[in-house]
């Protein structure tokens, strides 16, 4: 349930950013992303917006897969889990640790460590191809 709620919150976050910051303009989002990336990294790159879109689609698709085919979702291969969760942790880390400061940065560090630990525990508990799904899953009951 929390995984799906998080995906829903991400949809709201993207909608709020476009409504209140970018005036529903993709070009404005690219320009703002390029300016922020320049300030943080010294390189003007607005393509990060596309990584955010991929992040959103991946999270929503992952949550939908869980809801419509839980058995198949839990039996997917470890490399799929690794790619999905690895990409998501990488993007979340960039958004909260690299591009933020103060409390948000430290919260991002804590959340990253928690996600890495949860992924490690899932891997140790089973999951993956031809494995019995782990009991007491963290996000959906």
C-alpha atoms as a PDB file:
ATOM      1  CA  UNK A   1       0.000   0.000   0.000  1.00  0.00           C
ATOM      2  CA  UNK A   2       2.813   2.462   0.841  1.00  0.00           C
ATOM      3  CA  UNK A   3       4.523   1.740  -2.474  1.00  0.00           C
ATOM      4  CA  UNK A   4       1.368   2.684  -4.374  1.00  0.00           C
ATOM      5  CA  UNK A   5       0.795   5.756  -2.193  1.00  0.00           C
ATOM      6  CA  UNK A   6       4.355   6.857  -2.921  1.00  0.00           C
ATOM      7  CA  UNK A   7       3.744   6.517  -6.654  1.00  0.00           C
ATOM      8  CA  UNK A   8       0.579   8.595  -6.274  1.00  0.00           C
ATOM      9  CA  UNK A   9       2.472  11.258  -4.321  1.00  0.00           C
ATOM     10  CA  UNK A  10       5.074  11.380  -7.091  1.00  0.00           C
ATOM     11  CA  UNK A  11       2.314  12.040  -9.626  1.00  0.00           C
ATOM     12  CA  UNK A  12       1.048  14.888  -7.426  1.00  0.00           C
ATOM     13  CA  UNK A  13       4.594  16.233  -7.014  1.00  0.00           C
ATOM     14  CA  UNK A  14       5.179  16.359 -10.783  1.00  0.00           C
ATOM     15  CA  UNK A  15       1.759  17.932 -11.379  1.00  0.00           C
ATOM     16  CA  UNK A  16       2.371  20.563  -8.682  1.00  0.00           C
ATOM     17  CA  UNK A  17       5.791  21.394 -10.121  1.00  0.00           C
ATOM     18  CA  UNK A  18       4.337  21.855 -13.586  1.00  0.00           C
ATOM     19  CA  UNK A  19       1.289  23.783 -12.361  1.00  0.00           C
ATOM     20  CA  UNK A  20       2.966  26.132  -9.883  1.00  0.00           C
ATOM     21  CA  UNK A  21       6.566  26.417 -11.101  1.00  0.00           C
ATOM     22  CA  UNK A  22       6.735  25.677 -14.833  1.00  0.00           C
ATOM     23  CA  UNK A  23       3.306  26.908 -16.015  1.00  0.00           C
ATOM     24  CA  UNK A  24       2.685  23.506 -17.659  1.00  0.00           C
ATOM     25  CA  UNK A  25       5.653  24.106 -19.965  1.00  0.00           C
ATOM     26  CA  UNK A  26       8.115  21.303 -20.677  1.00  0.00           C
ATOM     27  CA  UNK A  27      10.552  23.883 -22.077  1.00  0.00           C
ATOM     28  CA  UNK A  28      10.364  25.863 -18.821  1.00  0.00           C
ATOM     29  CA  UNK A  29      11.041  22.672 -16.835  1.00  0.00           C
ATOM     30  CA  UNK A  30      14.072  21.879 -19.014  1.00  0.00           C
ATOM     31  CA  UNK A  31      15.361  25.442 -18.617  1.00  0.00           C
ATOM     32  CA  UNK A  32      14.908  25.407 -14.827  1.00  0.00           C
ATOM     33  CA  UNK A  33      16.568  21.986 -14.589  1.00  0.00           C
ATOM     34  CA  UNK A  34      19.501  23.182 -16.698  1.00  0.00           C
ATOM     35  CA  UNK A  35      19.943  26.256 -14.470  1.00  0.00           C
ATOM     36  CA  UNK A  36      19.832  24.189 -11.278  1.00  0.00           C
ATOM     37  CA  UNK A  37      22.223  21.600 -12.708  1.00  0.00           C
ATOM     38  CA  UNK A  38      24.609  24.385 -13.724  1.00  0.00           C
ATOM     39  CA  UNK A  39      24.541  25.823 -10.212  1.00  0.00           C
ATOM     40  CA  UNK A  40      25.247  22.437  -8.600  1.00  0.00           C
ATOM     41  CA  UNK A  41      27.579  20.734 -11.085  1.00  0.00           C
ATOM     42  CA  UNK A  42      28.964  23.504 -13.283  1.00  0.00           C
ATOM     43  CA  UNK A  43      27.353  21.913 -16.350  1.00  0.00           C
ATOM     44  CA  UNK A  44      24.136  23.149 -17.933  1.00  0.00           C
ATOM     45  CA  UNK A  45      22.041  20.031 -18.606  1.00  0.00           C
ATOM     46  CA  UNK A  46      18.254  20.163 -18.797  1.00  0.00           C
ATOM     47  CA  UNK A  47      17.845  16.539 -19.820  1.00  0.00           C
ATOM     48  CA  UNK A  48      17.430  15.539 -16.194  1.00  0.00           C
ATOM     49  CA  UNK A  49      13.728  16.258 -16.692  1.00  0.00           C
ATOM     50  CA  UNK A  50      13.550  13.131 -18.859  1.00  0.00           C
ATOM     51  CA  UNK A  51      15.096  11.058 -16.076  1.00  0.00           C
ATOM     52  CA  UNK A  52      12.297  12.336 -13.821  1.00  0.00           C
ATOM     53  CA  UNK A  53       9.707  11.256 -16.377  1.00  0.00           C
ATOM     54  CA  UNK A  54      11.259   7.783 -16.594  1.00  0.00           C
ATOM     55  CA  UNK A  55      11.335   7.631 -12.780  1.00  0.00           C
ATOM     56  CA  UNK A  56       7.625   8.492 -12.615  1.00  0.00           C
ATOM     57  CA  UNK A  57       6.559   6.012 -15.310  1.00  0.00           C
ATOM     58  CA  UNK A  58       8.721   3.266 -13.814  1.00  0.00           C
ATOM     59  CA  UNK A  59       7.324   3.749 -10.309  1.00  0.00           C
ATOM     60  CA  UNK A  60       3.695   3.867 -11.459  1.00  0.00           C
ATOM     61  CA  UNK A  61       4.176   0.822 -13.735  1.00  0.00           C
ATOM     62  CA  UNK A  62       5.869  -1.054 -10.892  1.00  0.00           C
ATOM     63  CA  UNK A  63       2.989  -0.302  -8.507  1.00  0.00           C
ATOM     64  CA  UNK A  64       0.391  -1.290 -11.121  1.00  0.00           C
ATOM     65  CA  UNK A  65       2.226  -4.537 -11.795  1.00  0.00           C
ATOM     66  CA  UNK A  66       2.142  -5.304  -8.072  1.00  0.00           C
ATOM     67  CA  UNK A  67      -1.609  -4.711  -7.922  1.00  0.00           C
ATOM     68  CA  UNK A  68      -2.624  -6.656 -11.032  1.00  0.00           C
ATOM     69  CA  UNK A  69      -0.205  -9.602 -10.746  1.00  0.00           C
ATOM     70  CA  UNK A  70       1.303  -9.842  -7.274  1.00  0.00           C
ATOM     71  CA  UNK A  71       2.543 -13.412  -7.775  1.00  0.00           C
ATOM     72  CA  UNK A  72       4.333 -12.499 -11.007  1.00  0.00           C
ATOM     73  CA  UNK A  73       5.664  -9.306  -9.473  1.00  0.00           C
ATOM     74  CA  UNK A  74       7.144 -11.127  -6.496  1.00  0.00           C
ATOM     75  CA  UNK A  75       8.593 -13.859  -8.721  1.00  0.00           C
ATOM     76  CA  UNK A  76      10.389 -11.529 -11.128  1.00  0.00           C
ATOM     77  CA  UNK A  77      14.104 -11.965 -11.481  1.00  0.00           C
ATOM     78  CA  UNK A  78      16.565 -10.291  -9.173  1.00  0.00           C
ATOM     79  CA  UNK A  79      18.178  -8.397 -12.016  1.00  0.00           C
ATOM     80  CA  UNK A  80      14.843  -6.720 -12.801  1.00  0.00           C
ATOM     81  CA  UNK A  81      14.495  -5.779  -9.120  1.00  0.00           C
ATOM     82  CA  UNK A  82      18.072  -4.511  -9.154  1.00  0.00           C
ATOM     83  CA  UNK A  83      17.539  -2.370 -12.256  1.00  0.00           C
ATOM     84  CA  UNK A  84      14.228  -0.930 -11.082  1.00  0.00           C
ATOM     85  CA  UNK A  85      15.199  -0.215  -7.501  1.00  0.00           C
ATOM     86  CA  UNK A  86      18.766   0.748  -8.397  1.00  0.00           C
ATOM     87  CA  UNK A  87      17.566   3.395 -10.848  1.00  0.00           C
ATOM     88  CA  UNK A  88      14.970   4.674  -8.397  1.00  0.00           C
ATOM     89  CA  UNK A  89      17.441   4.916  -5.509  1.00  0.00           C
ATOM     90  CA  UNK A  90      19.949   6.678  -7.786  1.00  0.00           C
ATOM     91  CA  UNK A  91      17.394   9.286  -8.889  1.00  0.00           C
ATOM     92  CA  UNK A  92      16.055   9.790  -5.344  1.00  0.00           C
ATOM     93  CA  UNK A  93      19.635  10.232  -4.103  1.00  0.00           C
ATOM     94  CA  UNK A  94      20.354  12.818  -6.795  1.00  0.00           C
ATOM     95  CA  UNK A  95      17.148  14.718  -6.037  1.00  0.00           C
ATOM     96  CA  UNK A  96      17.549  14.787  -2.263  1.00  0.00           C
ATOM     97  CA  UNK A  97      21.274  14.594  -1.529  1.00  0.00           C
ATOM     98  CA  UNK A  98      23.039  16.103  -4.540  1.00  0.00           C
ATOM     99  CA  UNK A  99      20.545  18.839  -5.449  1.00  0.00           C
ATOM    100  CA  UNK A 100      19.249  19.749  -1.978  1.00  0.00           C
ATOM    101  CA  UNK A 101      20.758  20.975   1.276  1.00  0.00           C
ATOM    102  CA  UNK A 102      20.057  21.085   4.999  1.00  0.00           C
ATOM    103  CA  UNK A 103      17.340  18.893   6.461  1.00  0.00           C
ATOM    104  CA  UNK A 104      16.235  17.577   3.057  1.00  0.00           C
ATOM    105  CA  UNK A 105      19.794  16.432   2.281  1.00  0.00           C
ATOM    106  CA  UNK A 106      20.137  14.610   5.607  1.00  0.00           C
ATOM    107  CA  UNK A 107      16.679  13.099   5.182  1.00  0.00           C
ATOM    108  CA  UNK A 108      17.784  11.945   1.728  1.00  0.00           C
ATOM    109  CA  UNK A 109      20.893  10.314   3.166  1.00  0.00           C
ATOM    110  CA  UNK A 110      18.771   8.511   5.784  1.00  0.00           C
ATOM    111  CA  UNK A 111      16.169   7.461   3.192  1.00  0.00           C
ATOM    112  CA  UNK A 112      18.882   6.193   0.828  1.00  0.00           C
ATOM    113  CA  UNK A 113      20.420   4.096   3.582  1.00  0.00           C
ATOM    114  CA  UNK A 114      16.983   2.757   4.519  1.00  0.00           C
ATOM    115  CA  UNK A 115      16.196   1.852   0.893  1.00  0.00           C
ATOM    116  CA  UNK A 116      19.553   0.130   0.451  1.00  0.00           C
ATOM    117  CA  UNK A 117      18.973  -1.817   3.663  1.00  0.00           C
ATOM    118  CA  UNK A 118      15.432  -2.781   2.571  1.00  0.00           C
ATOM    119  CA  UNK A 119      16.770  -3.962  -0.793  1.00  0.00           C
ATOM    120  CA  UNK A 120      19.469  -5.993   0.928  1.00  0.00           C
ATOM    121  CA  UNK A 121      16.911  -7.567   3.272  1.00  0.00           C
ATOM    122  CA  UNK A 122      14.585  -8.395   0.358  1.00  0.00           C
ATOM    123  CA  UNK A 123      17.451 -10.054  -1.474  1.00  0.00           C
ATOM    124  CA  UNK A 124      18.443 -12.061   1.614  1.00  0.00           C
ATOM    125  CA  UNK A 125      14.835 -13.071   2.330  1.00  0.00           C
ATOM    126  CA  UNK A 126      14.198 -14.718  -1.030  1.00  0.00           C
ATOM    127  CA  UNK A 127      12.415 -13.125  -3.937  1.00  0.00           C
ATOM    128  CA  UNK A 128      13.543 -13.581  -7.520  1.00  0.00           C
ATOM    129  CA  UNK A 129      12.948 -16.315 -10.088  1.00  0.00           C
ATOM    130  CA  UNK A 130      11.699 -19.642  -8.720  1.00  0.00           C
ATOM    131  CA  UNK A 131      11.926 -18.450  -5.152  1.00  0.00           C
ATOM    132  CA  UNK A 132       9.129 -18.398  -2.626  1.00  0.00           C
ATOM    133  CA  UNK A 133       8.142 -14.757  -1.959  1.00  0.00           C
ATOM    134  CA  UNK A 134       9.321 -13.409   1.373  1.00  0.00           C
ATOM    135  CA  UNK A 135       6.657 -13.199   4.054  1.00  0.00           C
ATOM    136  CA  UNK A 136       5.915  -9.959   5.905  1.00  0.00           C
ATOM    137  CA  UNK A 137       6.667  -7.673   2.985  1.00  0.00           C
ATOM    138  CA  UNK A 138       7.670  -4.151   3.850  1.00  0.00           C
ATOM    139  CA  UNK A 139       5.316  -2.142   1.626  1.00  0.00           C
ATOM    140  CA  UNK A 140       2.091  -4.025   0.865  1.00  0.00           C
ATOM    141  CA  UNK A 141      -0.140  -5.947   3.239  1.00  0.00           C
END
